[in-house]
Amino acid sequence: MAGYRDLLVWQSAMQIAEDVYRLTEHFPKQEMFGLTSQTRRSAISISSNIAEGHGRNSAKEFHHFLGIALGSLAELETQLLLSGRFNYIEQAQLIHALKATDETAKMLKGLQKSLKSTNN
């Protein structure tokens, strides 16, 4: 298997993290240690868990860390939806961000399925 940086799902997760940092730059200052920080941490966690799982050199552990990445992705989606409800991001930005998370979730699940079939 190629390095984790070659994985399209990792590249997609990195783009999401970059986009989230840009989106949250304009959140209210009182959210710096609340929603801003939590949203950024969950966005970073997605690509970080893909990389960590890949580095474990075990398909079973990689599968496990992809599950953690999926959890971080769901957490991020929830935080983005809250940000939309609080009018911290525009509806168009929210829709774009959720499309990106949906696509990344599909890739993560596909990779998990591939790893599972390789193990059987």
C-alpha atoms as a PDB file:
ATOM      1  CA  MET A   1       0.000   0.000   0.000  1.00  0.00           C
ATOM      2  CA  ALA A   2       1.207   3.511  -0.776  1.00  0.00           C
ATOM      3  CA  GLY A   3       1.937   6.081   1.931  1.00  0.00           C
ATOM      4  CA  TYR A   4      -0.968   7.742   3.688  1.00  0.00           C
ATOM      5  CA  ARG A   5      -0.238  11.028   1.885  1.00  0.00           C
ATOM      6  CA  ASP A   6      -1.043   9.249  -1.378  1.00  0.00           C
ATOM      7  CA  LEU A   7      -4.517   8.285  -0.172  1.00  0.00           C
ATOM      8  CA  LEU A   8      -7.262  10.407  -1.717  1.00  0.00           C
ATOM      9  CA  VAL A   9      -9.267  10.144   1.498  1.00  0.00           C
ATOM     10  CA  TRP A  10      -6.377  11.645   3.494  1.00  0.00           C
ATOM     11  CA  GLN A  11      -6.014  14.443   0.920  1.00  0.00           C
ATOM     12  CA  SER A  12      -9.744  15.108   1.134  1.00  0.00           C
ATOM     13  CA  ALA A  13      -9.587  15.217   4.944  1.00  0.00           C
ATOM     14  CA  MET A  14      -6.670  17.653   4.777  1.00  0.00           C
ATOM     15  CA  GLN A  15      -8.691  19.924   2.486  1.00  0.00           C
ATOM     16  CA  ILE A  16     -11.623  19.791   4.905  1.00  0.00           C
ATOM     17  CA  ALA A  17      -9.340  20.839   7.776  1.00  0.00           C
ATOM     18  CA  GLU A  18      -7.973  23.718   5.727  1.00  0.00           C
ATOM     19  CA  ASP A  19     -11.489  24.817   4.760  1.00  0.00           C
ATOM     20  CA  VAL A  20     -12.695  24.576   8.369  1.00  0.00           C
ATOM     21  CA  TYR A  21      -9.865  26.810   9.559  1.00  0.00           C
ATOM     22  CA  ARG A  22     -10.875  29.407   6.986  1.00  0.00           C
ATOM     23  CA  LEU A  23     -14.571  29.122   7.902  1.00  0.00           C
ATOM     24  CA  THR A  24     -13.931  29.507  11.619  1.00  0.00           C
ATOM     25  CA  GLU A  25     -11.648  32.542  11.263  1.00  0.00           C
ATOM     26  CA  HIS A  26     -14.744  34.728  11.335  1.00  0.00           C
ATOM     27  CA  PHE A  27     -16.546  33.089  14.240  1.00  0.00           C
ATOM     28  CA  PRO A  28     -17.292  35.419  17.155  1.00  0.00           C
ATOM     29  CA  LYS A  29     -14.391  35.950  19.560  1.00  0.00           C
ATOM     30  CA  GLN A  30     -16.413  34.490  22.436  1.00  0.00           C
ATOM     31  CA  GLU A  31     -16.367  31.151  20.560  1.00  0.00           C
ATOM     32  CA  MET A  32     -12.555  30.950  20.437  1.00  0.00           C
ATOM     33  CA  PHE A  33     -12.415  28.377  23.245  1.00  0.00           C
ATOM     34  CA  GLY A  34     -15.783  26.824  22.434  1.00  0.00           C
ATOM     35  CA  LEU A  35     -17.174  26.030  19.020  1.00  0.00           C
ATOM     36  CA  THR A  36     -14.193  27.391  17.080  1.00  0.00           C
ATOM     37  CA  SER A  37     -11.682  25.256  18.937  1.00  0.00           C
ATOM     38  CA  GLN A  38     -13.839  22.132  18.966  1.00  0.00           C
ATOM     39  CA  THR A  39     -14.660  22.412  15.265  1.00  0.00           C
ATOM     40  CA  ARG A  40     -11.021  22.809  14.342  1.00  0.00           C
ATOM     41  CA  ARG A  41      -9.939  19.895  16.541  1.00  0.00           C
ATOM     42  CA  SER A  42     -12.482  17.520  15.041  1.00  0.00           C
ATOM     43  CA  ALA A  43     -11.482  18.592  11.515  1.00  0.00           C
ATOM     44  CA  ILE A  44      -7.803  17.952  12.264  1.00  0.00           C
ATOM     45  CA  SER A  45      -8.634  14.610  13.866  1.00  0.00           C
ATOM     46  CA  ILE A  46      -9.949  13.128  10.617  1.00  0.00           C
ATOM     47  CA  SER A  47      -6.697  13.224   8.634  1.00  0.00           C
ATOM     48  CA  SER A  48      -4.635  12.581  11.773  1.00  0.00           C
ATOM     49  CA  ASN A  49      -6.453   9.309  12.478  1.00  0.00           C
ATOM     50  CA  ILE A  50      -6.116   8.192   8.866  1.00  0.00           C
ATOM     51  CA  ALA A  51      -2.370   8.804   9.089  1.00  0.00           C
ATOM     52  CA  GLU A  52      -2.010   7.161  12.492  1.00  0.00           C
ATOM     53  CA  GLY A  53      -3.968   4.094  11.451  1.00  0.00           C
ATOM     54  CA  HIS A  54      -1.934   3.730   8.283  1.00  0.00           C
ATOM     55  CA  GLY A  55       1.250   3.978  10.311  1.00  0.00           C
ATOM     56  CA  ARG A  56       0.246   1.039  12.512  1.00  0.00           C
ATOM     57  CA  ASN A  57       1.103  -1.468   9.739  1.00  0.00           C
ATOM     58  CA  SER A  58      -1.899  -3.628  10.547  1.00  0.00           C
ATOM     59  CA  ALA A  59      -5.058  -3.736   8.455  1.00  0.00           C
ATOM     60  CA  LYS A  60      -7.110  -4.390  11.586  1.00  0.00           C
ATOM     61  CA  GLU A  61      -5.709  -1.333  13.383  1.00  0.00           C
ATOM     62  CA  PHE A  62      -6.004   0.792  10.236  1.00  0.00           C
ATOM     63  CA  HIS A  63      -9.684  -0.201  10.009  1.00  0.00           C
ATOM     64  CA  HIS A  64     -10.119   0.808  13.671  1.00  0.00           C
ATOM     65  CA  PHE A  65      -8.567   4.241  13.153  1.00  0.00           C
ATOM     66  CA  LEU A  66     -10.690   4.809  10.059  1.00  0.00           C
ATOM     67  CA  GLY A  67     -13.675   4.268  12.356  1.00  0.00           C
ATOM     68  CA  ILE A  68     -12.331   6.930  14.693  1.00  0.00           C
ATOM     69  CA  ALA A  69     -11.902   9.258  11.691  1.00  0.00           C
ATOM     70  CA  LEU A  70     -15.559   8.625  10.794  1.00  0.00           C
ATOM     71  CA  GLY A  71     -16.541   9.559  14.338  1.00  0.00           C
ATOM     72  CA  SER A  72     -14.570  12.802  14.089  1.00  0.00           C
ATOM     73  CA  LEU A  73     -16.239  13.485  10.759  1.00  0.00           C
ATOM     74  CA  ALA A  74     -19.711  13.056  12.303  1.00  0.00           C
ATOM     75  CA  GLU A  75     -18.661  15.336  15.157  1.00  0.00           C
ATOM     76  CA  LEU A  76     -17.497  17.938  12.633  1.00  0.00           C
ATOM     77  CA  GLU A  77     -20.772  17.740  10.720  1.00  0.00           C
ATOM     78  CA  THR A  78     -22.683  18.377  13.939  1.00  0.00           C
ATOM     79  CA  GLN A  79     -20.523  21.400  14.737  1.00  0.00           C
ATOM     80  CA  LEU A  80     -20.971  22.756  11.215  1.00  0.00           C
ATOM     81  CA  LEU A  81     -24.745  22.365  11.527  1.00  0.00           C
ATOM     82  CA  LEU A  82     -24.667  24.240  14.846  1.00  0.00           C
ATOM     83  CA  SER A  83     -22.545  26.952  13.237  1.00  0.00           C
ATOM     84  CA  GLY A  84     -25.214  27.306  10.571  1.00  0.00           C
ATOM     85  CA  ARG A  85     -27.968  27.499  13.191  1.00  0.00           C
ATOM     86  CA  PHE A  86     -26.063  30.255  14.999  1.00  0.00           C
ATOM     87  CA  ASN A  87     -25.537  32.058  11.668  1.00  0.00           C
ATOM     88  CA  TYR A  88     -21.756  31.873  12.030  1.00  0.00           C
ATOM     89  CA  ILE A  89     -21.506  30.517   8.488  1.00  0.00           C
ATOM     90  CA  GLU A  90     -23.667  31.156   5.453  1.00  0.00           C
ATOM     91  CA  GLN A  91     -26.011  28.492   4.125  1.00  0.00           C
ATOM     92  CA  ALA A  92     -23.977  28.103   0.921  1.00  0.00           C
ATOM     93  CA  GLN A  93     -20.804  27.536   2.951  1.00  0.00           C
ATOM     94  CA  LEU A  94     -22.589  24.969   5.096  1.00  0.00           C
ATOM     95  CA  ILE A  95     -23.893  23.075   2.064  1.00  0.00           C
ATOM     96  CA  HIS A  96     -20.422  23.044   0.490  1.00  0.00           C
ATOM     97  CA  ALA A  97     -18.814  21.822   3.709  1.00  0.00           C
ATOM     98  CA  LEU A  98     -21.402  19.071   4.205  1.00  0.00           C
ATOM     99  CA  LYS A  99     -20.930  17.849   0.634  1.00  0.00           C
ATOM    100  CA  ALA A 100     -17.211  17.535   1.343  1.00  0.00           C
ATOM    101  CA  THR A 101     -17.832  15.620   4.568  1.00  0.00           C
ATOM    102  CA  ASP A 102     -20.306  13.301   2.822  1.00  0.00           C
ATOM    103  CA  GLU A 103     -17.782  12.491   0.100  1.00  0.00           C
ATOM    104  CA  THR A 104     -15.032  11.879   2.618  1.00  0.00           C
ATOM    105  CA  ALA A 105     -17.311   9.616   4.669  1.00  0.00           C
ATOM    106  CA  LYS A 106     -18.011   7.545   1.549  1.00  0.00           C
ATOM    107  CA  MET A 107     -14.289   7.206   0.898  1.00  0.00           C
ATOM    108  CA  LEU A 108     -13.582   6.216   4.509  1.00  0.00           C
ATOM    109  CA  LYS A 109     -16.319   3.574   4.464  1.00  0.00           C
ATOM    110  CA  GLY A 110     -15.084   2.268   1.117  1.00  0.00           C
ATOM    111  CA  LEU A 111     -11.557   1.965   2.450  1.00  0.00           C
ATOM    112  CA  GLN A 112     -12.835   0.175   5.553  1.00  0.00           C
ATOM    113  CA  LYS A 113     -14.762  -2.252   3.373  1.00  0.00           C
ATOM    114  CA  SER A 114     -11.679  -2.858   1.245  1.00  0.00           C
ATOM    115  CA  LEU A 115      -9.544  -3.540   4.310  1.00  0.00           C
ATOM    116  CA  LYS A 116     -12.141  -5.917   5.714  1.00  0.00           C
ATOM    117  CA  SER A 117     -12.349  -7.920   2.497  1.00  0.00           C
ATOM    118  CA  THR A 118      -8.536  -8.086   2.347  1.00  0.00           C
ATOM    119  CA  ASN A 119      -8.472  -9.503   5.889  1.00  0.00           C
ATOM    120  CA  ASN A 120     -11.018 -12.246   5.150  1.00  0.00           C
END
